[in-house]
Amino acid sequence: APEAAGPYALQSGAFRSRDGADDLARRLRRAGFEPRLVRLRDGHLILVRIGRFTGTADAVALARRVRAAGFDALVVDDAARETPVR
């Protein structure tokens, strides 16, 4: 499903350490997904997320694919509050 700028995304992990987040992102990329590392404003955890959606149907469909590939996937509704991790 095409990505859109919206409030929904998939979260596959949350880490205190950049190493853990980078490792999960690498494994997701190898499985064909396009993860990004973000924080929520004023947040301390590094979140590994995939996609941005305007509605939940496409997010839920992608969550099924991510889970079928052996990863955790939770649909979240706060993607508009993300800031990229550099």
N, C-alpha and C. Protein backbone atom coordinates (compact mmCIF):
# COMPACT_ATOMS: atom_id res chain seq x y z
N ALA A 1 0.84 -1.19 0.00
CA ALA A 1 0.00 0.00 0.00
C ALA A 1 0.88 1.24 0.00
N PRO A 2 0.52 2.25 -0.77
CA PRO A 2 1.33 3.46 -0.80
C PRO A 2 1.27 4.20 0.54
N GLU A 3 2.37 4.80 0.90
CA GLU A 3 2.42 5.58 2.13
C GLU A 3 1.80 6.95 1.90
N ALA A 4 1.24 7.49 2.93
CA ALA A 4 0.72 8.85 2.91
C ALA A 4 1.13 9.51 4.22
N ALA A 5 1.18 10.81 4.22
CA ALA A 5 1.48 11.50 5.47
C ALA A 5 0.21 11.51 6.30
N GLY A 6 0.19 10.74 7.34
CA GLY A 6 -0.99 10.66 8.19
C GLY A 6 -0.60 10.33 9.61
N PRO A 7 -1.59 10.22 10.47
CA PRO A 7 -1.29 10.02 11.89
C PRO A 7 -0.95 8.57 12.26
N TYR A 8 -1.17 7.62 11.37
CA TYR A 8 -0.96 6.21 11.71
C TYR A 8 0.35 5.68 11.16
N ALA A 9 0.95 4.76 11.91
CA ALA A 9 2.19 4.10 11.50
C ALA A 9 2.24 2.75 12.20
N LEU A 10 3.21 1.93 11.81
CA LEU A 10 3.47 0.69 12.53
C LEU A 10 4.70 0.89 13.38
N GLN A 11 4.63 0.39 14.59
CA GLN A 11 5.81 0.40 15.46
C GLN A 11 6.24 -1.04 15.67
N SER A 12 7.52 -1.31 15.40
CA SER A 12 8.04 -2.66 15.52
C SER A 12 8.94 -2.82 16.74
N GLY A 13 9.36 -1.71 17.34
CA GLY A 13 10.20 -1.79 18.52
C GLY A 13 10.44 -0.44 19.14
N ALA A 14 10.84 -0.45 20.42
CA ALA A 14 11.19 0.77 21.16
C ALA A 14 12.42 0.45 22.00
N PHE A 15 13.44 1.29 21.89
CA PHE A 15 14.73 0.97 22.50
C PHE A 15 15.32 2.17 23.23
N ARG A 16 16.04 1.88 24.30
CA ARG A 16 16.83 2.91 24.98
C ARG A 16 18.15 3.08 24.25
N SER A 17 18.61 2.02 23.60
CA SER A 17 19.92 2.03 22.94
C SER A 17 19.78 2.14 21.44
N ARG A 18 20.63 2.96 20.84
CA ARG A 18 20.64 3.11 19.38
C ARG A 18 21.03 1.79 18.72
N ASP A 19 21.93 1.03 19.35
CA ASP A 19 22.37 -0.24 18.77
C ASP A 19 21.20 -1.20 18.55
N GLY A 20 20.33 -1.32 19.53
CA GLY A 20 19.18 -2.20 19.39
C GLY A 20 18.24 -1.75 18.28
N ALA A 21 18.02 -0.44 18.20
CA ALA A 21 17.15 0.10 17.15
C ALA A 21 17.76 -0.11 15.78
N ASP A 22 19.07 0.13 15.66
CA ASP A 22 19.75 -0.07 14.38
C ASP A 22 19.69 -1.53 13.95
N ASP A 23 19.86 -2.45 14.90
CA ASP A 23 19.82 -3.88 14.58
C ASP A 23 18.45 -4.27 14.04
N LEU A 24 17.39 -3.84 14.71
CA LEU A 24 16.04 -4.17 14.23
C LEU A 24 15.79 -3.54 12.87
N ALA A 25 16.20 -2.30 12.68
CA ALA A 25 16.00 -1.63 11.39
C ALA A 25 16.71 -2.39 10.27
N ARG A 26 17.93 -2.86 10.53
CA ARG A 26 18.67 -3.65 9.52
C ARG A 26 17.92 -4.92 9.16
N ARG A 27 17.41 -5.62 10.18
CA ARG A 27 16.69 -6.87 9.92
C ARG A 27 15.39 -6.61 9.14
N LEU A 28 14.71 -5.52 9.47
CA LEU A 28 13.49 -5.17 8.73
C LEU A 28 13.82 -4.84 7.27
N ARG A 29 14.90 -4.09 7.04
CA ARG A 29 15.30 -3.78 5.66
C ARG A 29 15.61 -5.05 4.87
N ARG A 30 16.32 -5.98 5.50
CA ARG A 30 16.64 -7.25 4.82
C ARG A 30 15.37 -8.02 4.47
N ALA A 31 14.31 -7.83 5.24
CA ALA A 31 13.04 -8.50 4.98
C ALA A 31 12.19 -7.74 3.98
N GLY A 32 12.69 -6.59 3.48
CA GLY A 32 11.97 -5.86 2.45
C GLY A 32 11.13 -4.69 2.93
N PHE A 33 11.26 -4.31 4.19
CA PHE A 33 10.50 -3.19 4.72
C PHE A 33 11.38 -1.94 4.76
N GLU A 34 10.75 -0.78 4.95
CA GLU A 34 11.48 0.49 4.99
C GLU A 34 11.28 1.16 6.35
N PRO A 35 12.06 0.73 7.34
CA PRO A 35 11.89 1.30 8.68
C PRO A 35 12.55 2.67 8.80
N ARG A 36 12.13 3.39 9.83
CA ARG A 36 12.77 4.66 10.18
C ARG A 36 12.90 4.71 11.70
N LEU A 37 13.90 5.45 12.16
CA LEU A 37 14.11 5.63 13.59
C LEU A 37 13.62 7.01 13.97
N VAL A 38 12.77 7.06 14.98
CA VAL A 38 12.17 8.33 15.41
C VAL A 38 12.07 8.36 16.92
N ARG A 39 11.81 9.54 17.42
CA ARG A 39 11.41 9.73 18.82
C ARG A 39 10.11 10.53 18.79
N LEU A 40 9.33 10.39 19.82
CA LEU A 40 8.20 11.30 20.00
C LEU A 40 8.74 12.53 20.70
N ARG A 41 8.14 13.66 20.44
CA ARG A 41 8.59 14.89 21.10
C ARG A 41 8.72 14.65 22.60
N ASP A 42 9.84 15.05 23.15
CA ASP A 42 10.13 14.89 24.58
C ASP A 42 10.28 13.43 25.01
N GLY A 43 10.36 12.51 24.05
CA GLY A 43 10.51 11.09 24.39
C GLY A 43 11.97 10.70 24.47
N HIS A 44 12.25 9.65 25.22
CA HIS A 44 13.62 9.18 25.40
C HIS A 44 13.89 7.89 24.63
N LEU A 45 12.85 7.18 24.25
CA LEU A 45 13.04 5.92 23.54
C LEU A 45 13.21 6.16 22.04
N ILE A 46 14.00 5.31 21.41
CA ILE A 46 14.14 5.33 19.96
C ILE A 46 13.15 4.31 19.42
N LEU A 47 12.25 4.77 18.58
CA LEU A 47 11.17 3.93 18.04
C LEU A 47 11.52 3.51 16.62
N VAL A 48 11.27 2.25 16.33
CA VAL A 48 11.47 1.74 14.97
C VAL A 48 10.08 1.63 14.35
N ARG A 49 9.85 2.42 13.32
CA ARG A 49 8.52 2.50 12.72
C ARG A 49 8.58 2.29 11.22
N ILE A 50 7.43 1.89 10.69
CA ILE A 50 7.29 1.63 9.26
C ILE A 50 6.00 2.30 8.80
N GLY A 51 6.07 3.02 7.67
CA GLY A 51 4.87 3.57 7.03
C GLY A 51 4.26 4.75 7.74
N ARG A 52 3.48 5.49 6.98
CA ARG A 52 2.62 6.57 7.49
C ARG A 52 1.32 6.46 6.71
N PHE A 53 0.21 6.45 7.42
CA PHE A 53 -1.09 6.21 6.80
C PHE A 53 -2.13 7.20 7.30
N THR A 54 -3.08 7.51 6.44
CA THR A 54 -4.18 8.39 6.84
C THR A 54 -5.30 7.62 7.52
N GLY A 55 -5.37 6.31 7.29
CA GLY A 55 -6.39 5.48 7.92
C GLY A 55 -5.79 4.18 8.43
N THR A 56 -6.59 3.43 9.15
CA THR A 56 -6.05 2.22 9.78
C THR A 56 -6.06 0.99 8.87
N ALA A 57 -6.89 0.94 7.84
CA ALA A 57 -7.00 -0.28 7.02
C ALA A 57 -5.67 -0.67 6.39
N ASP A 58 -4.98 0.28 5.77
CA ASP A 58 -3.68 -0.02 5.15
C ASP A 58 -2.64 -0.36 6.21
N ALA A 59 -2.71 0.32 7.36
CA ALA A 59 -1.76 0.05 8.44
C ALA A 59 -1.95 -1.37 8.98
N VAL A 60 -3.18 -1.79 9.14
CA VAL A 60 -3.46 -3.14 9.64
C VAL A 60 -3.00 -4.18 8.62
N ALA A 61 -3.21 -3.93 7.34
CA ALA A 61 -2.77 -4.87 6.31
C ALA A 61 -1.24 -5.01 6.33
N LEU A 62 -0.52 -3.90 6.47
CA LEU A 62 0.94 -3.98 6.54
C LEU A 62 1.38 -4.66 7.83
N ALA A 63 0.67 -4.43 8.91
CA ALA A 63 1.00 -5.09 10.18
C ALA A 63 0.94 -6.60 10.03
N ARG A 64 -0.03 -7.09 9.29
CA ARG A 64 -0.11 -8.55 9.07
C ARG A 64 1.12 -9.06 8.33
N ARG A 65 1.57 -8.32 7.31
CA ARG A 65 2.76 -8.71 6.55
C ARG A 65 4.01 -8.69 7.43
N VAL A 66 4.14 -7.66 8.25
CA VAL A 66 5.30 -7.53 9.12
C VAL A 66 5.32 -8.67 10.14
N ARG A 67 4.17 -8.97 10.73
CA ARG A 67 4.08 -10.09 11.69
C ARG A 67 4.37 -11.42 11.01
N ALA A 68 3.87 -11.60 9.81
CA ALA A 68 4.11 -12.85 9.07
C ALA A 68 5.59 -13.05 8.79
N ALA A 69 6.35 -11.94 8.70
CA ALA A 69 7.79 -12.01 8.49
C ALA A 69 8.55 -12.23 9.80
N GLY A 70 7.83 -12.31 10.93
CA GLY A 70 8.46 -12.64 12.20
C GLY A 70 8.80 -11.46 13.09
N PHE A 71 8.21 -10.30 12.81
CA PHE A 71 8.49 -9.09 13.59
C PHE A 71 7.25 -8.66 14.35
N ASP A 72 7.45 -7.89 15.40
CA ASP A 72 6.34 -7.26 16.11
C ASP A 72 5.83 -6.11 15.27
N ALA A 73 4.54 -5.82 15.36
CA ALA A 73 3.96 -4.69 14.64
C ALA A 73 2.72 -4.22 15.39
N LEU A 74 2.76 -2.99 15.82
CA LEU A 74 1.66 -2.37 16.54
C LEU A 74 1.24 -1.12 15.78
N VAL A 75 -0.04 -0.98 15.47
CA VAL A 75 -0.53 0.23 14.80
C VAL A 75 -0.61 1.34 15.85
N VAL A 76 0.04 2.46 15.57
CA VAL A 76 0.02 3.61 16.48
C VAL A 76 -0.60 4.81 15.77
N ASP A 77 -1.10 5.75 16.55
CA ASP A 77 -1.81 6.90 15.96
C ASP A 77 -1.13 8.24 16.27
N ASP A 78 0.16 8.19 16.58
CA ASP A 78 0.86 9.42 16.96
C ASP A 78 2.01 9.77 16.01
N ALA A 79 1.96 9.29 14.78
CA ALA A 79 3.05 9.52 13.83
C ALA A 79 3.26 11.00 13.53
N ALA A 80 2.25 11.82 13.69
CA ALA A 80 2.40 13.25 13.44
C ALA A 80 3.31 13.92 14.47
N ARG A 81 3.58 13.24 15.58
CA ARG A 81 4.43 13.81 16.63
C ARG A 81 5.87 13.29 16.59
N GLU A 82 6.22 12.54 15.54
CA GLU A 82 7.56 11.97 15.44
C GLU A 82 8.61 13.04 15.09
N THR A 83 9.80 12.81 15.59
CA THR A 83 10.97 13.55 15.12
C THR A 83 12.04 12.54 14.75
N PRO A 84 12.71 12.72 13.61
CA PRO A 84 13.70 11.74 13.16
C PRO A 84 14.89 11.66 14.12
N VAL A 85 15.43 10.47 14.26
CA VAL A 85 16.67 10.26 15.02
C VAL A 85 17.81 10.37 14.03
N ARG A 86 18.78 11.18 14.33
CA ARG A 86 19.93 11.37 13.42
C ARG A 86 21.15 10.68 13.97
